[in-house]
């Protein structure tokens, strides 16, 4: 709804930021049970969609991916929230952190589980 109102920009004096902010605030309320990092990324994706910067398919993929519970196991394929790095889970630490190895690297990185997303089949 906010996206359709934003597209009526000539009538609304090109005030798309108002509708993006409304969408962002609604998302923060709707996804209040998620960790702060995931909640912030979802609200940003929704605001970008409303503003016309992000297509609907990408926005839905982001929201669905970030809404899933992080139930990682060693061997799972993962990517960072922004998709800039991909790799595999090596082990889970007792305090809830995840040790993972980026593709094409022998290094091991430690991350909070909420900062990673399972890769869907097909590499997305």
PDB file of N, CA and C in Angstrom:
ATOM      1  N   UNK A   1       0.821  -1.172   0.000  1.00  0.00           N
ATOM      2  CA  UNK A   1       0.000   0.000   0.000  1.00  0.00           C
ATOM      3  C   UNK A   1       0.879   1.253   0.000  1.00  0.00           C
ATOM      4  N   UNK A   2       1.892   1.302   0.862  1.00  0.00           N
ATOM      5  CA  UNK A   2       2.769   2.481   0.899  1.00  0.00           C
ATOM      6  C   UNK A   2       3.468   2.673  -0.444  1.00  0.00           C
ATOM      7  N   UNK A   3       3.849   1.556  -1.089  1.00  0.00           N
ATOM      8  CA  UNK A   3       4.524   1.649  -2.384  1.00  0.00           C
ATOM      9  C   UNK A   3       3.603   2.257  -3.436  1.00  0.00           C
ATOM     10  N   UNK A   4       2.339   1.852  -3.445  1.00  0.00           N
ATOM     11  CA  UNK A   4       1.413   2.397  -4.443  1.00  0.00           C
ATOM     12  C   UNK A   4       1.159   3.894  -4.204  1.00  0.00           C
ATOM     13  N   UNK A   5       1.070   4.308  -2.959  1.00  0.00           N
ATOM     14  CA  UNK A   5       0.907   5.734  -2.674  1.00  0.00           C
ATOM     15  C   UNK A   5       2.153   6.518  -3.062  1.00  0.00           C
ATOM     16  N   UNK A   6       3.312   5.925  -2.834  1.00  0.00           N
ATOM     17  CA  UNK A   6       4.548   6.613  -3.212  1.00  0.00           C
ATOM     18  C   UNK A   6       4.601   6.835  -4.724  1.00  0.00           C
ATOM     19  N   UNK A   7       4.074   5.891  -5.498  1.00  0.00           N
ATOM     20  CA  UNK A   7       4.112   6.008  -6.953  1.00  0.00           C
ATOM     21  C   UNK A   7       3.167   7.094  -7.475  1.00  0.00           C
ATOM     22  N   UNK A   8       2.336   7.621  -6.636  1.00  0.00           N
ATOM     23  CA  UNK A   8       1.479   8.759  -6.995  1.00  0.00           C
ATOM     24  C   UNK A   8       2.207  10.072  -6.688  1.00  0.00           C
ATOM     25  N   UNK A   9       3.504  10.042  -6.825  1.00  0.00           N
ATOM     26  CA  UNK A   9       4.399  11.127  -6.413  1.00  0.00           C
ATOM     27  C   UNK A   9       3.992  12.520  -6.903  1.00  0.00           C
ATOM     28  N   UNK A  10       3.562  12.702  -8.161  1.00  0.00           N
ATOM     29  CA  UNK A  10       3.218  14.084  -8.562  1.00  0.00           C
ATOM     30  C   UNK A  10       2.132  14.691  -7.682  1.00  0.00           C
ATOM     31  N   UNK A  11       1.145  13.869  -7.280  1.00  0.00           N
ATOM     32  CA  UNK A  11       0.092  14.369  -6.411  1.00  0.00           C
ATOM     33  C   UNK A  11       0.616  14.632  -5.002  1.00  0.00           C
ATOM     34  N   UNK A  12       1.585  13.852  -4.581  1.00  0.00           N
ATOM     35  CA  UNK A  12       2.089  13.947  -3.214  1.00  0.00           C
ATOM     36  C   UNK A  12       3.386  14.749  -3.117  1.00  0.00           C
ATOM     37  N   UNK A  13       3.730  15.487  -4.139  1.00  0.00           N
ATOM     38  CA  UNK A  13       4.889  16.362  -4.129  1.00  0.00           C
ATOM     39  C   UNK A  13       6.188  15.593  -3.887  1.00  0.00           C
ATOM     40  N   UNK A  14       6.311  14.399  -4.489  1.00  0.00           N
ATOM     41  CA  UNK A  14       7.536  13.599  -4.427  1.00  0.00           C
ATOM     42  C   UNK A  14       7.996  13.334  -2.999  1.00  0.00           C
ATOM     43  N   UNK A  15       7.065  13.047  -2.113  1.00  0.00           N
ATOM     44  CA  UNK A  15       7.379  12.840  -0.707  1.00  0.00           C
ATOM     45  C   UNK A  15       7.506  11.350  -0.383  1.00  0.00           C
ATOM     46  N   UNK A  16       8.309  10.618  -1.159  1.00  0.00           N
ATOM     47  CA  UNK A  16       8.482   9.172  -0.974  1.00  0.00           C
ATOM     48  C   UNK A  16       9.116   8.796   0.345  1.00  0.00           C
ATOM     49  N   UNK A  17       9.966   9.662   0.874  1.00  0.00           N
ATOM     50  CA  UNK A  17      10.620   9.346   2.150  1.00  0.00           C
ATOM     51  C   UNK A  17       9.611   9.161   3.283  1.00  0.00           C
ATOM     52  N   UNK A  18       8.509   9.888   3.212  1.00  0.00           N
ATOM     53  CA  UNK A  18       7.468   9.740   4.228  1.00  0.00           C
ATOM     54  C   UNK A  18       6.907   8.334   4.208  1.00  0.00           C
ATOM     55  N   UNK A  19       6.593   7.810   3.015  1.00  0.00           N
ATOM     56  CA  UNK A  19       6.023   6.472   2.907  1.00  0.00           C
ATOM     57  C   UNK A  19       7.053   5.396   3.239  1.00  0.00           C
ATOM     58  N   UNK A  20       8.304   5.616   2.867  1.00  0.00           N
ATOM     59  CA  UNK A  20       9.366   4.667   3.220  1.00  0.00           C
ATOM     60  C   UNK A  20       9.526   4.607   4.737  1.00  0.00           C
ATOM     61  N   UNK A  21       9.429   5.745   5.402  1.00  0.00           N
ATOM     62  CA  UNK A  21       9.536   5.780   6.862  1.00  0.00           C
ATOM     63  C   UNK A  21       8.357   5.071   7.515  1.00  0.00           C
ATOM     64  N   UNK A  22       7.176   5.262   6.982  1.00  0.00           N
ATOM     65  CA  UNK A  22       6.000   4.561   7.519  1.00  0.00           C
ATOM     66  C   UNK A  22       6.197   3.055   7.389  1.00  0.00           C
ATOM     67  N   UNK A  23       6.638   2.598   6.219  1.00  0.00           N
ATOM     68  CA  UNK A  23       6.893   1.174   6.007  1.00  0.00           C
ATOM     69  C   UNK A  23       7.971   0.636   6.924  1.00  0.00           C
ATOM     70  N   UNK A  24       9.030   1.420   7.114  1.00  0.00           N
ATOM     71  CA  UNK A  24      10.126   1.014   8.007  1.00  0.00           C
ATOM     72  C   UNK A  24       9.623   0.847   9.438  1.00  0.00           C
ATOM     73  N   UNK A  25       8.849   1.808   9.914  1.00  0.00           N
ATOM     74  CA  UNK A  25       8.336   1.745  11.284  1.00  0.00           C
ATOM     75  C   UNK A  25       7.344   0.599  11.475  1.00  0.00           C
ATOM     76  N   UNK A  26       6.511   0.341  10.462  1.00  0.00           N
ATOM     77  CA  UNK A  26       5.596  -0.799  10.538  1.00  0.00           C
ATOM     78  C   UNK A  26       6.375  -2.115  10.599  1.00  0.00           C
ATOM     79  N   UNK A  27       7.425  -2.213   9.802  1.00  0.00           N
ATOM     80  CA  UNK A  27       8.252  -3.427   9.803  1.00  0.00           C
ATOM     81  C   UNK A  27       8.916  -3.631  11.162  1.00  0.00           C
ATOM     82  N   UNK A  28       9.408  -2.557  11.761  1.00  0.00           N
ATOM     83  CA  UNK A  28      10.037  -2.682  13.083  1.00  0.00           C
ATOM     84  C   UNK A  28       9.041  -3.207  14.110  1.00  0.00           C
ATOM     85  N   UNK A  29       7.796  -2.771  14.005  1.00  0.00           N
ATOM     86  CA  UNK A  29       6.762  -3.252  14.934  1.00  0.00           C
ATOM     87  C   UNK A  29       6.380  -4.701  14.630  1.00  0.00           C
ATOM     88  N   UNK A  30       6.197  -5.017  13.348  1.00  0.00           N
ATOM     89  CA  UNK A  30       5.778  -6.367  12.968  1.00  0.00           C
ATOM     90  C   UNK A  30       6.835  -7.432  13.257  1.00  0.00           C
ATOM     91  N   UNK A  31       8.097  -7.060  13.149  1.00  0.00           N
ATOM     92  CA  UNK A  31       9.178  -8.015  13.345  1.00  0.00           C
ATOM     93  C   UNK A  31       9.929  -7.752  14.654  1.00  0.00           C
ATOM     94  N   UNK A  32       9.219  -7.254  15.650  1.00  0.00           N
ATOM     95  CA  UNK A  32       9.851  -6.864  16.915  1.00  0.00           C
ATOM     96  C   UNK A  32      10.496  -8.028  17.666  1.00  0.00           C
ATOM     97  N   UNK A  33      10.110  -9.264  17.364  1.00  0.00           N
ATOM     98  CA  UNK A  33      10.677 -10.411  18.074  1.00  0.00           C
ATOM     99  C   UNK A  33      12.006 -10.883  17.478  1.00  0.00           C
ATOM    100  N   UNK A  34      12.430 -10.308  16.363  1.00  0.00           N
ATOM    101  CA  UNK A  34      13.701 -10.701  15.744  1.00  0.00           C
ATOM    102  C   UNK A  34      14.875  -9.977  16.401  1.00  0.00           C
ATOM    103  N   UNK A  35      16.078 -10.531  16.251  1.00  0.00           N
ATOM    104  CA  UNK A  35      17.265  -9.823  16.748  1.00  0.00           C
ATOM    105  C   UNK A  35      17.395  -8.462  16.050  1.00  0.00           C
ATOM    106  N   UNK A  36      17.968  -7.480  16.730  1.00  0.00           N
ATOM    107  CA  UNK A  36      18.050  -6.117  16.184  1.00  0.00           C
ATOM    108  C   UNK A  36      18.664  -6.027  14.787  1.00  0.00           C
ATOM    109  N   UNK A  37      19.716  -6.793  14.514  1.00  0.00           N
ATOM    110  CA  UNK A  37      20.370  -6.719  13.200  1.00  0.00           C
ATOM    111  C   UNK A  37      19.413  -7.154  12.100  1.00  0.00           C
ATOM    112  N   UNK A  38      18.719  -8.268  12.307  1.00  0.00           N
ATOM    113  CA  UNK A  38      17.785  -8.767  11.300  1.00  0.00           C
ATOM    114  C   UNK A  38      16.594  -7.821  11.142  1.00  0.00           C
ATOM    115  N   UNK A  39      16.090  -7.312  12.243  1.00  0.00           N
ATOM    116  CA  UNK A  39      14.958  -6.382  12.208  1.00  0.00           C
ATOM    117  C   UNK A  39      15.327  -5.128  11.405  1.00  0.00           C
ATOM    118  N   UNK A  40      16.517  -4.614  11.623  1.00  0.00           N
ATOM    119  CA  UNK A  40      16.967  -3.415  10.914  1.00  0.00           C
ATOM    120  C   UNK A  40      17.089  -3.677   9.408  1.00  0.00           C
ATOM    121  N   UNK A  41      17.629  -4.855   9.036  1.00  0.00           N
ATOM    122  CA  UNK A  41      17.786  -5.184   7.620  1.00  0.00           C
ATOM    123  C   UNK A  41      16.437  -5.370   6.935  1.00  0.00           C
ATOM    124  N   UNK A  42      15.485  -6.012   7.625  1.00  0.00           N
ATOM    125  CA  UNK A  42      14.141  -6.188   7.057  1.00  0.00           C
ATOM    126  C   UNK A  42      13.477  -4.829   6.855  1.00  0.00           C
ATOM    127  N   UNK A  43      13.541  -3.967   7.861  1.00  0.00           N
ATOM    128  CA  UNK A  43      12.892  -2.657   7.732  1.00  0.00           C
ATOM    129  C   UNK A  43      13.538  -1.839   6.618  1.00  0.00           C
ATOM    130  N   UNK A  44      14.830  -1.974   6.445  1.00  0.00           N
ATOM    131  CA  UNK A  44      15.529  -1.267   5.371  1.00  0.00           C
ATOM    132  C   UNK A  44      15.101  -1.791   4.007  1.00  0.00           C
ATOM    133  N   UNK A  45      14.982  -3.116   3.868  1.00  0.00           N
ATOM    134  CA  UNK A  45      14.554  -3.704   2.592  1.00  0.00           C
ATOM    135  C   UNK A  45      13.146  -3.236   2.233  1.00  0.00           C
ATOM    136  N   UNK A  46      12.260  -3.197   3.206  1.00  0.00           N
ATOM    137  CA  UNK A  46      10.887  -2.754   2.955  1.00  0.00           C
ATOM    138  C   UNK A  46      10.854  -1.281   2.553  1.00  0.00           C
ATOM    139  N   UNK A  47      11.631  -0.462   3.232  1.00  0.00           N
ATOM    140  CA  UNK A  47      11.686   0.968   2.887  1.00  0.00           C
ATOM    141  C   UNK A  47      12.253   1.164   1.481  1.00  0.00           C
ATOM    142  N   UNK A  48      13.278   0.390   1.126  1.00  0.00           N
ATOM    143  CA  UNK A  48      13.850   0.504  -0.220  1.00  0.00           C
ATOM    144  C   UNK A  48      12.846   0.065  -1.283  1.00  0.00           C
ATOM    145  N   UNK A  49      12.059  -0.951  -0.983  1.00  0.00           N
ATOM    146  CA  UNK A  49      11.023  -1.386  -1.926  1.00  0.00           C
ATOM    147  C   UNK A  49       9.987  -0.272  -2.128  1.00  0.00           C
ATOM    148  N   UNK A  50       9.533   0.313  -1.032  1.00  0.00           N
ATOM    149  CA  UNK A  50       8.526   1.376  -1.118  1.00  0.00           C
ATOM    150  C   UNK A  50       9.060   2.563  -1.917  1.00  0.00           C
ATOM    151  N   UNK A  51      10.339   2.873  -1.721  1.00  0.00           N
ATOM    152  CA  UNK A  51      10.947   4.000  -2.430  1.00  0.00           C
ATOM    153  C   UNK A  51      11.242   3.681  -3.897  1.00  0.00           C
ATOM    154  N   UNK A  52      11.088   2.397  -4.275  1.00  0.00           N
ATOM    155  CA  UNK A  52      11.310   2.018  -5.672  1.00  0.00           C
ATOM    156  C   UNK A  52      12.736   1.653  -6.000  1.00  0.00           C
ATOM    157  N   UNK A  53      13.584   1.499  -4.987  1.00  0.00           N
ATOM    158  CA  UNK A  53      14.993   1.168  -5.196  1.00  0.00           C
ATOM    159  C   UNK A  53      15.207  -0.334  -5.295  1.00  0.00           C
ATOM    160  N   UNK A  54      14.306  -1.114  -4.724  1.00  0.00           N
ATOM    161  CA  UNK A  54      14.418  -2.569  -4.660  1.00  0.00           C
ATOM    162  C   UNK A  54      13.164  -3.184  -5.259  1.00  0.00           C
ATOM    163  N   UNK A  55      13.343  -4.219  -6.111  1.00  0.00           N
ATOM    164  CA  UNK A  55      12.169  -4.850  -6.702  1.00  0.00           C
ATOM    165  C   UNK A  55      11.478  -5.755  -5.676  1.00  0.00           C
ATOM    166  N   UNK A  56      10.214  -6.076  -5.947  1.00  0.00           N
ATOM    167  CA  UNK A  56       9.392  -6.849  -5.006  1.00  0.00           C
ATOM    168  C   UNK A  56       9.993  -8.216  -4.720  1.00  0.00           C
ATOM    169  N   UNK A  57      10.458  -8.917  -5.747  1.00  0.00           N
ATOM    170  CA  UNK A  57      11.014 -10.258  -5.567  1.00  0.00           C
ATOM    171  C   UNK A  57      12.215 -10.244  -4.617  1.00  0.00           C
ATOM    172  N   UNK A  58      13.101  -9.292  -4.783  1.00  0.00           N
ATOM    173  CA  UNK A  58      14.271  -9.190  -3.911  1.00  0.00           C
ATOM    174  C   UNK A  58      13.859  -8.863  -2.481  1.00  0.00           C
ATOM    175  N   UNK A  59      12.894  -7.951  -2.334  1.00  0.00           N
ATOM    176  CA  UNK A  59      12.434  -7.581  -0.998  1.00  0.00           C
ATOM    177  C   UNK A  59      11.824  -8.786  -0.282  1.00  0.00           C
ATOM    178  N   UNK A  60      10.999  -9.558  -0.991  1.00  0.00           N
ATOM    179  CA  UNK A  60      10.368 -10.738  -0.394  1.00  0.00           C
ATOM    180  C   UNK A  60      11.429 -11.762   0.003  1.00  0.00           C
ATOM    181  N   UNK A  61      12.435 -11.976  -0.851  1.00  0.00           N
ATOM    182  CA  UNK A  61      13.510 -12.918  -0.530  1.00  0.00           C
ATOM    183  C   UNK A  61      14.260 -12.494   0.732  1.00  0.00           C
ATOM    184  N   UNK A  62      14.542 -11.215   0.855  1.00  0.00           N
ATOM    185  CA  UNK A  62      15.244 -10.695   2.033  1.00  0.00           C
ATOM    186  C   UNK A  62      14.400 -10.892   3.287  1.00  0.00           C
ATOM    187  N   UNK A  63      13.133 -10.510   3.223  1.00  0.00           N
ATOM    188  CA  UNK A  63      12.255 -10.622   4.392  1.00  0.00           C
ATOM    189  C   UNK A  63      12.092 -12.081   4.808  1.00  0.00           C
ATOM    190  N   UNK A  64      11.852 -12.965   3.845  1.00  0.00           N
ATOM    191  CA  UNK A  64      11.691 -14.389   4.177  1.00  0.00           C
ATOM    192  C   UNK A  64      12.969 -14.978   4.751  1.00  0.00           C
ATOM    193  N   UNK A  65      14.099 -14.659   4.146  1.00  0.00           N
ATOM    194  CA  UNK A  65      15.375 -15.196   4.618  1.00  0.00           C
ATOM    195  C   UNK A  65      15.714 -14.738   6.025  1.00  0.00           C
ATOM    196  N   UNK A  66      15.470 -13.477   6.306  1.00  0.00           N
ATOM    197  CA  UNK A  66      15.797 -12.934   7.622  1.00  0.00           C
ATOM    198  C   UNK A  66      14.778 -13.303   8.689  1.00  0.00           C
ATOM    199  N   UNK A  67      13.587 -13.707   8.271  1.00  0.00           N
ATOM    200  CA  UNK A  67      12.551 -14.092   9.228  1.00  0.00           C
ATOM    201  C   UNK A  67      12.737 -15.507   9.750  1.00  0.00           C
ATOM    202  N   UNK A  68      13.476 -16.324   9.014  1.00  0.00           N
ATOM    203  CA  UNK A  68      13.700 -17.706   9.436  1.00  0.00           C
ATOM    204  C   UNK A  68      14.573 -17.747  10.682  1.00  0.00           C
ATOM    205  N   UNK A  69      14.285 -18.695  11.548  1.00  0.00           N
ATOM    206  CA  UNK A  69      15.126 -18.883  12.728  1.00  0.00           C
ATOM    207  C   UNK A  69      16.486 -19.410  12.287  1.00  0.00           C
ATOM    208  N   UNK A  70      17.508 -18.953  12.936  1.00  0.00           N
ATOM    209  CA  UNK A  70      18.863 -19.405  12.623  1.00  0.00           C
ATOM    210  C   UNK A  70      19.113 -20.743  13.329  1.00  0.00           C
ATOM    211  N   UNK A  71      18.918 -21.810  12.606  1.00  0.00           N
ATOM    212  CA  UNK A  71      19.109 -23.155  13.141  1.00  0.00           C
ATOM    213  C   UNK A  71      20.253 -23.791  12.354  1.00  0.00           C
ATOM    214  N   UNK A  72      21.476 -23.386  12.690  1.00  0.00           N
ATOM    215  CA  UNK A  72      22.646 -23.827  11.933  1.00  0.00           C
ATOM    216  C   UNK A  72      23.193 -25.151  12.442  1.00  0.00           C
ATOM    217  N   UNK A  73      23.821 -25.880  11.507  1.00  0.00           N
ATOM    218  CA  UNK A  73      24.531 -27.123  11.821  1.00  0.00           C
ATOM    219  C   UNK A  73      25.845 -27.105  11.061  1.00  0.00           C
ATOM    220  N   UNK A  74      26.875 -27.769  11.591  1.00  0.00           N
ATOM    221  CA  UNK A  74      28.123 -27.858  10.820  1.00  0.00           C
ATOM    222  C   UNK A  74      27.846 -28.434   9.432  1.00  0.00           C
ATOM    223  N   UNK A  75      28.463 -27.809   8.434  1.00  0.00           N
ATOM    224  CA  UNK A  75      28.278 -28.232   7.055  1.00  0.00           C
ATOM    225  C   UNK A  75      27.248 -27.417   6.288  1.00  0.00           C
ATOM    226  N   UNK A  76      26.426 -26.626   7.000  1.00  0.00           N
ATOM    227  CA  UNK A  76      25.429 -25.797   6.320  1.00  0.00           C
ATOM    228  C   UNK A  76      26.122 -24.726   5.486  1.00  0.00           C
ATOM    229  N   UNK A  77      25.576 -24.467   4.299  1.00  0.00           N
ATOM    230  CA  UNK A  77      26.046 -23.371   3.457  1.00  0.00           C
ATOM    231  C   UNK A  77      25.374 -22.092   3.951  1.00  0.00           C
ATOM    232  N   UNK A  78      26.165 -21.028   4.113  1.00  0.00           N
ATOM    233  CA  UNK A  78      25.637 -19.762   4.624  1.00  0.00           C
ATOM    234  C   UNK A  78      26.174 -18.593   3.798  1.00  0.00           C
ATOM    235  N   UNK A  79      25.564 -17.435   4.015  1.00  0.00           N
ATOM    236  CA  UNK A  79      26.078 -16.188   3.460  1.00  0.00           C
ATOM    237  C   UNK A  79      25.854 -15.095   4.496  1.00  0.00           C
ATOM    238  N   UNK A  80      26.596 -14.014   4.363  1.00  0.00           N
ATOM    239  CA  UNK A  80      26.407 -12.885   5.269  1.00  0.00           C
ATOM    240  C   UNK A  80      25.092 -12.197   4.920  1.00  0.00           C
ATOM    241  N   UNK A  81      24.587 -11.349   5.808  1.00  0.00           N
ATOM    242  CA  UNK A  81      23.308 -10.684   5.582  1.00  0.00           C
ATOM    243  C   UNK A  81      23.245  -9.969   4.239  1.00  0.00           C
ATOM    244  N   UNK A  82      24.307  -9.298   3.879  1.00  0.00           N
ATOM    245  CA  UNK A  82      24.312  -8.558   2.618  1.00  0.00           C
ATOM    246  C   UNK A  82      24.718  -9.429   1.436  1.00  0.00           C
ATOM    247  N   UNK A  83      25.075 -10.685   1.702  1.00  0.00           N
ATOM    248  CA  UNK A  83      25.447 -11.597   0.624  1.00  0.00           C
ATOM    249  C   UNK A  83      26.831 -11.372   0.065  1.00  0.00           C
ATOM    250  N   UNK A  84      27.657 -10.585   0.754  1.00  0.00           N
ATOM    251  CA  UNK A  84      28.989 -10.278   0.239  1.00  0.00           C
ATOM    252  C   UNK A  84      29.975 -11.424   0.428  1.00  0.00           C
ATOM    253  N   UNK A  85      29.717 -12.312   1.371  1.00  0.00           N
ATOM    254  CA  UNK A  85      30.587 -13.472   1.602  1.00  0.00           C
ATOM    255  C   UNK A  85      29.728 -14.711   1.778  1.00  0.00           C
ATOM    256  N   UNK A  86      30.266 -15.822   1.273  1.00  0.00           N
ATOM    257  CA  UNK A  86      29.591 -17.110   1.400  1.00  0.00           C
ATOM    258  C   UNK A  86      30.584 -18.113   1.945  1.00  0.00           C
ATOM    259  N   UNK A  87      30.043 -19.153   2.592  1.00  0.00           N
ATOM    260  CA  UNK A  87      30.935 -20.162   3.135  1.00  0.00           C
ATOM    261  C   UNK A  87      30.168 -21.312   3.739  1.00  0.00           C
ATOM    262  N   UNK A  88      30.834 -22.007   4.671  1.00  0.00           N
ATOM    263  CA  UNK A  88      30.251 -23.189   5.287  1.00  0.00           C
ATOM    264  C   UNK A  88      30.474 -23.138   6.798  1.00  0.00           C
ATOM    265  N   UNK A  89      29.487 -23.615   7.557  1.00  0.00           N
ATOM    266  CA  UNK A  89      29.596 -23.667   9.016  1.00  0.00           C
ATOM    267  C   UNK A  89      30.595 -24.755   9.399  1.00  0.00           C
ATOM    268  N   UNK A  90      31.546 -24.399  10.267  1.00  0.00           N
ATOM    269  CA  UNK A  90      32.545 -25.360  10.741  1.00  0.00           C
ATOM    270  C   UNK A  90      32.090 -25.970  12.065  1.00  0.00           C
ATOM    271  N   UNK A  91      31.701 -25.100  13.004  1.00  0.00           N
ATOM    272  CA  UNK A  91      31.214 -25.586  14.305  1.00  0.00           C
ATOM    273  C   UNK A  91      30.420 -24.481  14.989  1.00  0.00           C
ATOM    274  N   UNK A  92      29.649 -24.904  15.983  1.00  0.00           N
ATOM    275  CA  UNK A  92      28.858 -23.981  16.783  1.00  0.00           C
ATOM    276  C   UNK A  92      29.504 -23.862  18.153  1.00  0.00           C
ATOM    277  N   UNK A  93      29.593 -22.660  18.661  1.00  0.00           N
ATOM    278  CA  UNK A  93      30.183 -22.430  19.975  1.00  0.00           C
ATOM    279  C   UNK A  93      29.074 -22.390  21.026  1.00  0.00           C
ATOM    280  N   UNK A  94      29.395 -22.776  22.268  1.00  0.00           N
ATOM    281  CA  UNK A  94      28.378 -22.847  23.323  1.00  0.00           C
ATOM    282  C   UNK A  94      27.632 -21.533  23.571  1.00  0.00           C
ATOM    283  N   UNK A  95      28.289 -20.395  23.388  1.00  0.00           N
ATOM    284  CA  UNK A  95      27.634 -19.108  23.662  1.00  0.00           C
ATOM    285  C   UNK A  95      26.745 -18.638  22.513  1.00  0.00           C
ATOM    286  N   UNK A  96      26.549 -19.504  21.504  1.00  0.00           N
ATOM    287  CA  UNK A  96      25.650 -19.177  20.408  1.00  0.00           C
ATOM    288  C   UNK A  96      26.314 -18.609  19.177  1.00  0.00           C
ATOM    289  N   UNK A  97      27.618 -18.408  19.215  1.00  0.00           N
ATOM    290  CA  UNK A  97      28.322 -17.916  18.033  1.00  0.00           C
ATOM    291  C   UNK A  97      28.582 -19.064  17.069  1.00  0.00           C
ATOM    292  N   UNK A  98      28.883 -18.688  15.830  1.00  0.00           N
ATOM    293  CA  UNK A  98      29.094 -19.650  14.758  1.00  0.00           C
ATOM    294  C   UNK A  98      30.501 -19.470  14.200  1.00  0.00           C
ATOM    295  N   UNK A  99      31.225 -20.575  14.048  1.00  0.00           N
ATOM    296  CA  UNK A  99      32.528 -20.535  13.384  1.00  0.00           C
ATOM    297  C   UNK A  99      32.296 -21.023  11.959  1.00  0.00           C
ATOM    298  N   UNK A 100      32.728 -20.217  10.983  1.00  0.00           N
ATOM    299  CA  UNK A 100      32.509 -20.581   9.587  1.00  0.00           C
ATOM    300  C   UNK A 100      33.738 -20.283   8.751  1.00  0.00           C
ATOM    301  N   UNK A 101      33.844 -20.978   7.619  1.00  0.00           N
ATOM    302  CA  UNK A 101      34.981 -20.819   6.709  1.00  0.00           C
ATOM    303  C   UNK A 101      34.463 -20.244   5.392  1.00  0.00           C
ATOM    304  N   UNK A 102      34.957 -19.051   5.017  1.00  0.00           N
ATOM    305  CA  UNK A 102      34.549 -18.464   3.730  1.00  0.00           C
ATOM    306  C   UNK A 102      35.027 -19.336   2.565  1.00  0.00           C
ATOM    307  N   UNK A 103      34.282 -19.306   1.487  1.00  0.00           N
ATOM    308  CA  UNK A 103      34.696 -20.021   0.283  1.00  0.00           C
ATOM    309  C   UNK A 103      36.083 -19.546  -0.152  1.00  0.00           C
ATOM    310  N   UNK A 104      36.860 -20.427  -0.721  1.00  0.00           N
ATOM    311  CA  UNK A 104      38.203 -20.112  -1.235  1.00  0.00           C
ATOM    312  C   UNK A 104      39.139 -19.573  -0.160  1.00  0.00           C
ATOM    313  N   UNK A 105      38.983 -20.047   1.069  1.00  0.00           N
ATOM    314  CA  UNK A 105      39.842 -19.605   2.165  1.00  0.00           C
ATOM    315  C   UNK A 105      40.012 -20.728   3.175  1.00  0.00           C
ATOM    316  N   UNK A 106      41.125 -20.737   3.844  1.00  0.00           N
ATOM    317  CA  UNK A 106      41.355 -21.691   4.930  1.00  0.00           C
ATOM    318  C   UNK A 106      41.141 -21.026   6.288  1.00  0.00           C
ATOM    319  N   UNK A 107      40.838 -19.726   6.272  1.00  0.00           N
ATOM    320  CA  UNK A 107      40.601 -18.983   7.512  1.00  0.00           C
ATOM    321  C   UNK A 107      39.263 -19.385   8.116  1.00  0.00           C
ATOM    322  N   UNK A 108      39.168 -19.261   9.425  1.00  0.00           N
ATOM    323  CA  UNK A 108      37.907 -19.483  10.120  1.00  0.00           C
ATOM    324  C   UNK A 108      37.482 -18.175  10.754  1.00  0.00           C
ATOM    325  N   UNK A 109      36.239 -17.826  10.567  1.00  0.00           N
ATOM    326  CA  UNK A 109      35.683 -16.596  11.123  1.00  0.00           C
ATOM    327  C   UNK A 109      34.624 -16.934  12.155  1.00  0.00           C
ATOM    328  N   UNK A 110      34.467 -16.073  13.132  1.00  0.00           N
ATOM    329  CA  UNK A 110      33.437 -16.255  14.152  1.00  0.00           C
ATOM    330  C   UNK A 110      32.412 -15.138  13.985  1.00  0.00           C
ATOM    331  N   UNK A 111      31.127 -15.512  14.043  1.00  0.00           N
ATOM    332  CA  UNK A 111      30.071 -14.532  13.848  1.00  0.00           C
ATOM    333  C   UNK A 111      28.891 -14.844  14.757  1.00  0.00           C
ATOM    334  N   UNK A 112      28.073 -13.837  15.003  1.00  0.00           N
ATOM    335  CA  UNK A 112      26.799 -14.053  15.674  1.00  0.00           C
ATOM    336  C   UNK A 112      25.870 -14.738  14.684  1.00  0.00           C
ATOM    337  N   UNK A 113      25.072 -15.665  15.150  1.00  0.00           N
ATOM    338  CA  UNK A 113      24.195 -16.404  14.245  1.00  0.00           C
ATOM    339  C   UNK A 113      23.215 -15.486  13.519  1.00  0.00           C
ATOM    340  N   UNK A 114      22.803 -14.391  14.160  1.00  0.00           N
ATOM    341  CA  UNK A 114      21.842 -13.501  13.505  1.00  0.00           C
ATOM    342  C   UNK A 114      22.453 -12.692  12.366  1.00  0.00           C
ATOM    343  N   UNK A 115      23.784 -12.741  12.207  1.00  0.00           N
ATOM    344  CA  UNK A 115      24.413 -12.013  11.108  1.00  0.00           C
ATOM    345  C   UNK A 115      24.632 -12.888   9.880  1.00  0.00           C
ATOM    346  N   UNK A 116      24.154 -14.136   9.929  1.00  0.00           N
ATOM    347  CA  UNK A 116      24.306 -15.066   8.814  1.00  0.00           C
ATOM    348  C   UNK A 116      22.947 -15.612   8.390  1.00  0.00           C
ATOM    349  N   UNK A 117      22.864 -16.014   7.137  1.00  0.00           N
ATOM    350  CA  UNK A 117      21.642 -16.603   6.584  1.00  0.00           C
ATOM    351  C   UNK A 117      22.018 -17.893   5.884  1.00  0.00           C
ATOM    352  N   UNK A 118      21.177 -18.916   6.047  1.00  0.00           N
ATOM    353  CA  UNK A 118      21.392 -20.152   5.281  1.00  0.00           C
ATOM    354  C   UNK A 118      21.180 -19.863   3.816  1.00  0.00           C
ATOM    355  N   UNK A 119      22.060 -20.426   3.003  1.00  0.00           N
ATOM    356  CA  UNK A 119      21.869 -20.296   1.561  1.00  0.00           C
ATOM    357  C   UNK A 119      20.790 -21.269   1.127  1.00  0.00           C
ATOM    358  N   UNK A 120      19.911 -20.794   0.295  1.00  0.00           N
ATOM    359  CA  UNK A 120      18.876 -21.682  -0.256  1.00  0.00           C
ATOM    360  C   UNK A 120      19.496 -22.494  -1.356  1.00  0.00           C
ATOM    361  N   UNK A 121      18.904 -23.616  -1.676  1.00  0.00           N
ATOM    362  CA  UNK A 121      19.396 -24.435  -2.776  1.00  0.00           C
ATOM    363  C   UNK A 121      19.390 -23.608  -4.038  1.00  0.00           C
ATOM    364  N   UNK A 122      20.448 -23.736  -4.800  1.00  0.00           N
ATOM    365  CA  UNK A 122      20.579 -22.928  -6.008  1.00  0.00           C
ATOM    366  C   UNK A 122      21.454 -21.703  -5.797  1.00  0.00           C
ATOM    367  N   UNK A 123      22.005 -21.539  -4.546  1.00  0.00           N
ATOM    368  CA  UNK A 123      22.970 -20.482  -4.284  1.00  0.00           C
ATOM    369  C   UNK A 123      22.395 -19.122  -3.992  1.00  0.00           C
ATOM    370  N   UNK A 124      21.103 -19.024  -3.696  1.00  0.00           N
ATOM    371  CA  UNK A 124      20.527 -17.714  -3.397  1.00  0.00           C
ATOM    372  C   UNK A 124      20.259 -17.555  -1.929  1.00  0.00           C
TER     373      UNK A 124
END
